[in-house]
Amino acid sequence: MIDLGWLLFLIALFAYFWRARKMTVQTKRWFKTQGRITYCELVPYEESVWPKIEYVYQVDDQEFTSQIFFID
């Protein structure tokens, strides 16, 4: 019974990482564009420091603003 539980856990873990990999691979097809940083600040987080960045970029003559630093 324990072996079956571990097997199901490992299958669920594999499925999670497979979906995450699939999403990351899809980013290769995104359009590349240049942007400019409009705001940058170093913010303490736990025992380290992380950048808080705001940037502006343009796609198809439309300007976008974002603060996202990593792919979710």
PDB file of N, CA and C in Angstrom:
ATOM      1  N   MET A   1       0.817  -1.197   0.000  1.00  0.00           N
ATOM      2  CA  MET A   1       0.000   0.000   0.000  1.00  0.00           C
ATOM      3  C   MET A   1       0.864   1.266   0.000  1.00  0.00           C
ATOM      4  N   ILE A   2       1.945   1.234   0.763  1.00  0.00           N
ATOM      5  CA  ILE A   2       2.849   2.387   0.805  1.00  0.00           C
ATOM      6  C   ILE A   2       3.496   2.600  -0.562  1.00  0.00           C
ATOM      7  N   ASP A   3       3.841   1.484  -1.233  1.00  0.00           N
ATOM      8  CA  ASP A   3       4.443   1.601  -2.565  1.00  0.00           C
ATOM      9  C   ASP A   3       3.487   2.273  -3.552  1.00  0.00           C
ATOM     10  N   LEU A   4       2.224   1.931  -3.465  1.00  0.00           N
ATOM     11  CA  LEU A   4       1.221   2.542  -4.341  1.00  0.00           C
ATOM     12  C   LEU A   4       1.085   4.038  -4.045  1.00  0.00           C
ATOM     13  N   GLY A   5       1.139   4.405  -2.780  1.00  0.00           N
ATOM     14  CA  GLY A   5       1.078   5.816  -2.397  1.00  0.00           C
ATOM     15  C   GLY A   5       2.255   6.594  -2.955  1.00  0.00           C
ATOM     16  N   TRP A   6       3.460   6.029  -2.826  1.00  0.00           N
ATOM     17  CA  TRP A   6       4.646   6.689  -3.380  1.00  0.00           C
ATOM     18  C   TRP A   6       4.550   6.801  -4.900  1.00  0.00           C
ATOM     19  N   LEU A   7       4.058   5.762  -5.546  1.00  0.00           N
ATOM     20  CA  LEU A   7       3.923   5.783  -6.996  1.00  0.00           C
ATOM     21  C   LEU A   7       2.978   6.902  -7.430  1.00  0.00           C
ATOM     22  N   LEU A   8       1.838   7.027  -6.762  1.00  0.00           N
ATOM     23  CA  LEU A   8       0.889   8.081  -7.093  1.00  0.00           C
ATOM     24  C   LEU A   8       1.489   9.463  -6.831  1.00  0.00           C
ATOM     25  N   PHE A   9       2.229   9.594  -5.733  1.00  0.00           N
ATOM     26  CA  PHE A   9       2.890  10.859  -5.423  1.00  0.00           C
ATOM     27  C   PHE A   9       3.899  11.232  -6.505  1.00  0.00           C
ATOM     28  N   LEU A  10       4.706  10.272  -6.918  1.00  0.00           N
ATOM     29  CA  LEU A  10       5.712  10.542  -7.947  1.00  0.00           C
ATOM     30  C   LEU A  10       5.082  10.855  -9.297  1.00  0.00           C
ATOM     31  N   ILE A  11       3.992  10.199  -9.629  1.00  0.00           N
ATOM     32  CA  ILE A  11       3.284  10.495 -10.878  1.00  0.00           C
ATOM     33  C   ILE A  11       2.719  11.915 -10.832  1.00  0.00           C
ATOM     34  N   ALA A  12       2.142  12.306  -9.700  1.00  0.00           N
ATOM     35  CA  ALA A  12       1.610  13.669  -9.564  1.00  0.00           C
ATOM     36  C   ALA A  12       2.733  14.697  -9.651  1.00  0.00           C
ATOM     37  N   LEU A  13       3.867  14.409  -9.033  1.00  0.00           N
ATOM     38  CA  LEU A  13       5.021  15.318  -9.085  1.00  0.00           C
ATOM     39  C   LEU A  13       5.540  15.444 -10.515  1.00  0.00           C
ATOM     40  N   PHE A  14       5.639  14.328 -11.210  1.00  0.00           N
ATOM     41  CA  PHE A  14       6.082  14.336 -12.602  1.00  0.00           C
ATOM     42  C   PHE A  14       5.126  15.161 -13.470  1.00  0.00           C
ATOM     43  N   ALA A  15       3.816  14.981 -13.265  1.00  0.00           N
ATOM     44  CA  ALA A  15       2.830  15.726 -14.050  1.00  0.00           C
ATOM     45  C   ALA A  15       2.948  17.223 -13.792  1.00  0.00           C
ATOM     46  N   TYR A  16       3.161  17.609 -12.535  1.00  0.00           N
ATOM     47  CA  TYR A  16       3.320  19.036 -12.206  1.00  0.00           C
ATOM     48  C   TYR A  16       4.519  19.629 -12.933  1.00  0.00           C
ATOM     49  N   PHE A  17       5.664  18.962 -12.854  1.00  0.00           N
ATOM     50  CA  PHE A  17       6.867  19.497 -13.495  1.00  0.00           C
ATOM     51  C   PHE A  17       6.768  19.425 -15.012  1.00  0.00           C
ATOM     52  N   TRP A  18       6.067  18.461 -15.547  1.00  0.00           N
ATOM     53  CA  TRP A  18       5.890  18.376 -16.996  1.00  0.00           C
ATOM     54  C   TRP A  18       5.074  19.566 -17.500  1.00  0.00           C
ATOM     55  N   ARG A  19       4.005  19.943 -16.753  1.00  0.00           N
ATOM     56  CA  ARG A  19       3.211  21.126 -17.129  1.00  0.00           C
ATOM     57  C   ARG A  19       4.031  22.401 -17.014  1.00  0.00           C
ATOM     58  N   ALA A  20       4.844  22.504 -15.974  1.00  0.00           N
ATOM     59  CA  ALA A  20       5.686  23.689 -15.793  1.00  0.00           C
ATOM     60  C   ALA A  20       6.713  23.789 -16.912  1.00  0.00           C
ATOM     61  N   ARG A  21       7.286  22.665 -17.314  1.00  0.00           N
ATOM     62  CA  ARG A  21       8.252  22.660 -18.415  1.00  0.00           C
ATOM     63  C   ARG A  21       7.578  23.058 -19.725  1.00  0.00           C
ATOM     64  N   LYS A  22       6.373  22.536 -19.937  1.00  0.00           N
ATOM     65  CA  LYS A  22       5.628  22.845 -21.152  1.00  0.00           C
ATOM     66  C   LYS A  22       5.368  24.350 -21.260  1.00  0.00           C
ATOM     67  N   MET A  23       5.005  24.980 -20.145  1.00  0.00           N
ATOM     68  CA  MET A  23       4.761  26.414 -20.139  1.00  0.00           C
ATOM     69  C   MET A  23       6.051  27.186 -20.419  1.00  0.00           C
ATOM     70  N   THR A  24       7.161  26.736 -19.864  1.00  0.00           N
ATOM     71  CA  THR A  24       8.437  27.403 -20.088  1.00  0.00           C
ATOM     72  C   THR A  24       8.875  27.275 -21.546  1.00  0.00           C
ATOM     73  N   VAL A  25       8.663  26.111 -22.152  1.00  0.00           N
ATOM     74  CA  VAL A  25       9.028  25.908 -23.555  1.00  0.00           C
ATOM     75  C   VAL A  25       8.195  26.823 -24.454  1.00  0.00           C
ATOM     76  N   GLN A  26       6.932  27.063 -24.100  1.00  0.00           N
ATOM     77  CA  GLN A  26       6.079  27.940 -24.906  1.00  0.00           C
ATOM     78  C   GLN A  26       6.604  29.368 -24.952  1.00  0.00           C
ATOM     79  N   THR A  27       7.359  29.789 -23.949  1.00  0.00           N
ATOM     80  CA  THR A  27       7.874  31.162 -23.938  1.00  0.00           C
ATOM     81  C   THR A  27       8.895  31.391 -25.050  1.00  0.00           C
ATOM     82  N   LYS A  28       9.458  30.335 -25.597  1.00  0.00           N
ATOM     83  CA  LYS A  28      10.405  30.492 -26.701  1.00  0.00           C
ATOM     84  C   LYS A  28       9.719  31.072 -27.935  1.00  0.00           C
ATOM     85  N   ARG A  29       8.400  30.911 -28.037  1.00  0.00           N
ATOM     86  CA  ARG A  29       7.657  31.410 -29.198  1.00  0.00           C
ATOM     87  C   ARG A  29       7.153  32.837 -29.003  1.00  0.00           C
ATOM     88  N   TRP A  30       7.397  33.412 -27.821  1.00  0.00           N
ATOM     89  CA  TRP A  30       6.958  34.780 -27.585  1.00  0.00           C
ATOM     90  C   TRP A  30       7.751  35.739 -28.461  1.00  0.00           C
ATOM     91  N   PHE A  31       7.131  36.841 -28.825  1.00  0.00           N
ATOM     92  CA  PHE A  31       7.817  37.866 -29.584  1.00  0.00           C
ATOM     93  C   PHE A  31       8.873  38.516 -28.702  1.00  0.00           C
ATOM     94  N   LYS A  32       9.997  38.859 -29.306  1.00  0.00           N
ATOM     95  CA  LYS A  32      11.054  39.541 -28.569  1.00  0.00           C
ATOM     96  C   LYS A  32      10.901  41.039 -28.792  1.00  0.00           C
ATOM     97  N   THR A  33      11.051  41.779 -27.733  1.00  0.00           N
ATOM     98  CA  THR A  33      10.937  43.232 -27.815  1.00  0.00           C
ATOM     99  C   THR A  33      11.885  43.847 -26.805  1.00  0.00           C
ATOM    100  N   GLN A  34      12.203  45.070 -27.002  1.00  0.00           N
ATOM    101  CA  GLN A  34      13.043  45.779 -26.050  1.00  0.00           C
ATOM    102  C   GLN A  34      12.166  46.645 -25.166  1.00  0.00           C
ATOM    103  N   GLY A  35      12.631  46.884 -23.988  1.00  0.00           N
ATOM    104  CA  GLY A  35      11.908  47.737 -23.059  1.00  0.00           C
ATOM    105  C   GLY A  35      12.875  48.632 -22.329  1.00  0.00           C
ATOM    106  N   ARG A  36      12.334  49.472 -21.486  1.00  0.00           N
ATOM    107  CA  ARG A  36      13.199  50.320 -20.677  1.00  0.00           C
ATOM    108  C   ARG A  36      12.705  50.306 -19.242  1.00  0.00           C
ATOM    109  N   ILE A  37      13.649  50.293 -18.335  1.00  0.00           N
ATOM    110  CA  ILE A  37      13.338  50.272 -16.912  1.00  0.00           C
ATOM    111  C   ILE A  37      12.959  51.680 -16.483  1.00  0.00           C
ATOM    112  N   THR A  38      11.802  51.804 -15.837  1.00  0.00           N
ATOM    113  CA  THR A  38      11.336  53.105 -15.381  1.00  0.00           C
ATOM    114  C   THR A  38      11.494  53.285 -13.878  1.00  0.00           C
ATOM    115  N   TYR A  39      11.661  52.174 -13.146  1.00  0.00           N
ATOM    116  CA  TYR A  39      11.803  52.258 -11.696  1.00  0.00           C
ATOM    117  C   TYR A  39      12.573  51.039 -11.212  1.00  0.00           C
ATOM    118  N   CYS A  40      13.511  51.259 -10.295  1.00  0.00           N
ATOM    119  CA  CYS A  40      14.278  50.149  -9.737  1.00  0.00           C
ATOM    120  C   CYS A  40      14.603  50.465  -8.278  1.00  0.00           C
ATOM    121  N   GLU A  41      14.366  49.484  -7.420  1.00  0.00           N
ATOM    122  CA  GLU A  41      14.645  49.642  -5.999  1.00  0.00           C
ATOM    123  C   GLU A  41      15.058  48.290  -5.447  1.00  0.00           C
ATOM    124  N   LEU A  42      16.010  48.276  -4.516  1.00  0.00           N
ATOM    125  CA  LEU A  42      16.408  47.039  -3.857  1.00  0.00           C
ATOM    126  C   LEU A  42      15.600  46.905  -2.576  1.00  0.00           C
ATOM    127  N   VAL A  43      14.895  45.775  -2.455  1.00  0.00           N
ATOM    128  CA  VAL A  43      13.978  45.555  -1.340  1.00  0.00           C
ATOM    129  C   VAL A  43      14.505  44.395  -0.495  1.00  0.00           C
ATOM    130  N   PRO A  44      14.666  44.598   0.814  1.00  0.00           N
ATOM    131  CA  PRO A  44      15.087  43.471   1.661  1.00  0.00           C
ATOM    132  C   PRO A  44      13.964  42.447   1.787  1.00  0.00           C
ATOM    133  N   TYR A  45      14.318  41.185   1.644  1.00  0.00           N
ATOM    134  CA  TYR A  45      13.351  40.086   1.767  1.00  0.00           C
ATOM    135  C   TYR A  45      14.024  38.961   2.544  1.00  0.00           C
ATOM    136  N   GLU A  46      13.503  38.670   3.708  1.00  0.00           N
ATOM    137  CA  GLU A  46      14.087  37.690   4.623  1.00  0.00           C
ATOM    138  C   GLU A  46      15.556  38.047   4.857  1.00  0.00           C
ATOM    139  N   GLU A  47      16.490  37.198   4.439  1.00  0.00           N
ATOM    140  CA  GLU A  47      17.908  37.478   4.672  1.00  0.00           C
ATOM    141  C   GLU A  47      18.641  37.870   3.393  1.00  0.00           C
ATOM    142  N   SER A  48      17.917  38.342   2.384  1.00  0.00           N
ATOM    143  CA  SER A  48      18.549  38.730   1.129  1.00  0.00           C
ATOM    144  C   SER A  48      17.914  40.020   0.615  1.00  0.00           C
ATOM    145  N   VAL A  49      18.373  40.455  -0.534  1.00  0.00           N
ATOM    146  CA  VAL A  49      17.861  41.674  -1.162  1.00  0.00           C
ATOM    147  C   VAL A  49      17.427  41.328  -2.580  1.00  0.00           C
ATOM    148  N   TRP A  50      16.207  41.749  -2.957  1.00  0.00           N
ATOM    149  CA  TRP A  50      15.665  41.488  -4.283  1.00  0.00           C
ATOM    150  C   TRP A  50      15.372  42.807  -4.983  1.00  0.00           C
ATOM    151  N   PRO A  51      15.545  42.849  -6.311  1.00  0.00           N
ATOM    152  CA  PRO A  51      15.202  44.082  -7.027  1.00  0.00           C
ATOM    153  C   PRO A  51      13.695  44.187  -7.271  1.00  0.00           C
ATOM    154  N   LYS A  52      13.160  45.362  -7.085  1.00  0.00           N
ATOM    155  CA  LYS A  52      11.778  45.656  -7.467  1.00  0.00           C
ATOM    156  C   LYS A  52      11.890  46.546  -8.692  1.00  0.00           C
ATOM    157  N   ILE A  53      11.506  46.008  -9.832  1.00  0.00           N
ATOM    158  CA  ILE A  53      11.718  46.686 -11.115  1.00  0.00           C
ATOM    159  C   ILE A  53      10.375  46.920 -11.790  1.00  0.00           C
ATOM    160  N   GLU A  54      10.216  48.089 -12.356  1.00  0.00           N
ATOM    161  CA  GLU A  54       9.068  48.389 -13.211  1.00  0.00           C
ATOM    162  C   GLU A  54       9.631  48.763 -14.579  1.00  0.00           C
ATOM    163  N   TYR A  55       9.038  48.217 -15.617  1.00  0.00           N
ATOM    164  CA  TYR A  55       9.548  48.478 -16.961  1.00  0.00           C
ATOM    165  C   TYR A  55       8.405  48.691 -17.945  1.00  0.00           C
ATOM    166  N   VAL A  56       8.737  49.307 -19.056  1.00  0.00           N
ATOM    167  CA  VAL A  56       7.782  49.615 -20.114  1.00  0.00           C
ATOM    168  C   VAL A  56       8.297  48.962 -21.396  1.00  0.00           C
ATOM    169  N   TYR A  57       7.384  48.319 -22.128  1.00  0.00           N
ATOM    170  CA  TYR A  57       7.743  47.729 -23.415  1.00  0.00           C
ATOM    171  C   TYR A  57       6.600  47.948 -24.394  1.00  0.00           C
ATOM    172  N   GLN A  58       6.887  47.766 -25.676  1.00  0.00           N
ATOM    173  CA  GLN A  58       5.906  48.066 -26.705  1.00  0.00           C
ATOM    174  C   GLN A  58       5.730  46.857 -27.622  1.00  0.00           C
ATOM    175  N   VAL A  59       4.467  46.522 -27.912  1.00  0.00           N
ATOM    176  CA  VAL A  59       4.123  45.439 -28.837  1.00  0.00           C
ATOM    177  C   VAL A  59       3.018  45.949 -29.749  1.00  0.00           C
ATOM    178  N   ASP A  60       3.241  45.875 -31.053  1.00  0.00           N
ATOM    179  CA  ASP A  60       2.253  46.317 -32.048  1.00  0.00           C
ATOM    180  C   ASP A  60       1.738  47.735 -31.751  1.00  0.00           C
ATOM    181  N   ASP A  61       2.640  48.661 -31.565  1.00  0.00           N
ATOM    182  CA  ASP A  61       2.307  50.077 -31.313  1.00  0.00           C
ATOM    183  C   ASP A  61       1.461  50.286 -30.064  1.00  0.00           C
ATOM    184  N   GLN A  62       1.482  49.330 -29.135  1.00  0.00           N
ATOM    185  CA  GLN A  62       0.770  49.482 -27.881  1.00  0.00           C
ATOM    186  C   GLN A  62       1.778  49.337 -26.747  1.00  0.00           C
ATOM    187  N   GLU A  63       1.760  50.284 -25.806  1.00  0.00           N
ATOM    188  CA  GLU A  63       2.730  50.299 -24.723  1.00  0.00           C
ATOM    189  C   GLU A  63       2.171  49.586 -23.486  1.00  0.00           C
ATOM    190  N   PHE A  64       2.997  48.753 -22.880  1.00  0.00           N
ATOM    191  CA  PHE A  64       2.621  47.998 -21.689  1.00  0.00           C
ATOM    192  C   PHE A  64       3.606  48.299 -20.568  1.00  0.00           C
ATOM    193  N   THR A  65       3.110  48.247 -19.337  1.00  0.00           N
ATOM    194  CA  THR A  65       3.937  48.410 -18.148  1.00  0.00           C
ATOM    195  C   THR A  65       3.817  47.139 -17.314  1.00  0.00           C
ATOM    196  N   SER A  66       4.937  46.693 -16.749  1.00  0.00           N
ATOM    197  CA  SER A  66       4.906  45.467 -15.953  1.00  0.00           C
ATOM    198  C   SER A  66       5.936  45.531 -14.833  1.00  0.00           C
ATOM    199  N   GLN A  67       5.731  44.693 -13.832  1.00  0.00           N
ATOM    200  CA  GLN A  67       6.675  44.531 -12.731  1.00  0.00           C
ATOM    201  C   GLN A  67       7.096  43.070 -12.590  1.00  0.00           C
ATOM    202  N   ILE A  68       6.613  42.223 -13.473  1.00  0.00           N
ATOM    203  CA  ILE A  68       6.881  40.788 -13.371  1.00  0.00           C
ATOM    204  C   ILE A  68       8.334  40.529 -13.728  1.00  0.00           C
ATOM    205  N   PHE A  69       9.014  39.836 -12.835  1.00  0.00           N
ATOM    206  CA  PHE A  69      10.444  39.579 -13.020  1.00  0.00           C
ATOM    207  C   PHE A  69      10.710  38.152 -13.454  1.00  0.00           C
ATOM    208  N   PHE A  70       9.824  37.236 -13.070  1.00  0.00           N
ATOM    209  CA  PHE A  70       9.981  35.824 -13.401  1.00  0.00           C
ATOM    210  C   PHE A  70       8.720  35.307 -14.081  1.00  0.00           C
ATOM    211  N   ILE A  71       8.854  34.242 -14.854  1.00  0.00           N
ATOM    212  CA  ILE A  71       7.694  33.590 -15.437  1.00  0.00           C
ATOM    213  C   ILE A  71       6.975  32.847 -14.320  1.00  0.00           C
ATOM    214  N   ASP A  72       5.675  33.022 -14.226  1.00  0.00           N
ATOM    215  CA  ASP A  72       4.910  32.347 -13.163  1.00  0.00           C
ATOM    216  C   ASP A  72       4.812  30.859 -13.420  1.00  0.00           C
TER     217      ASP A  72
END
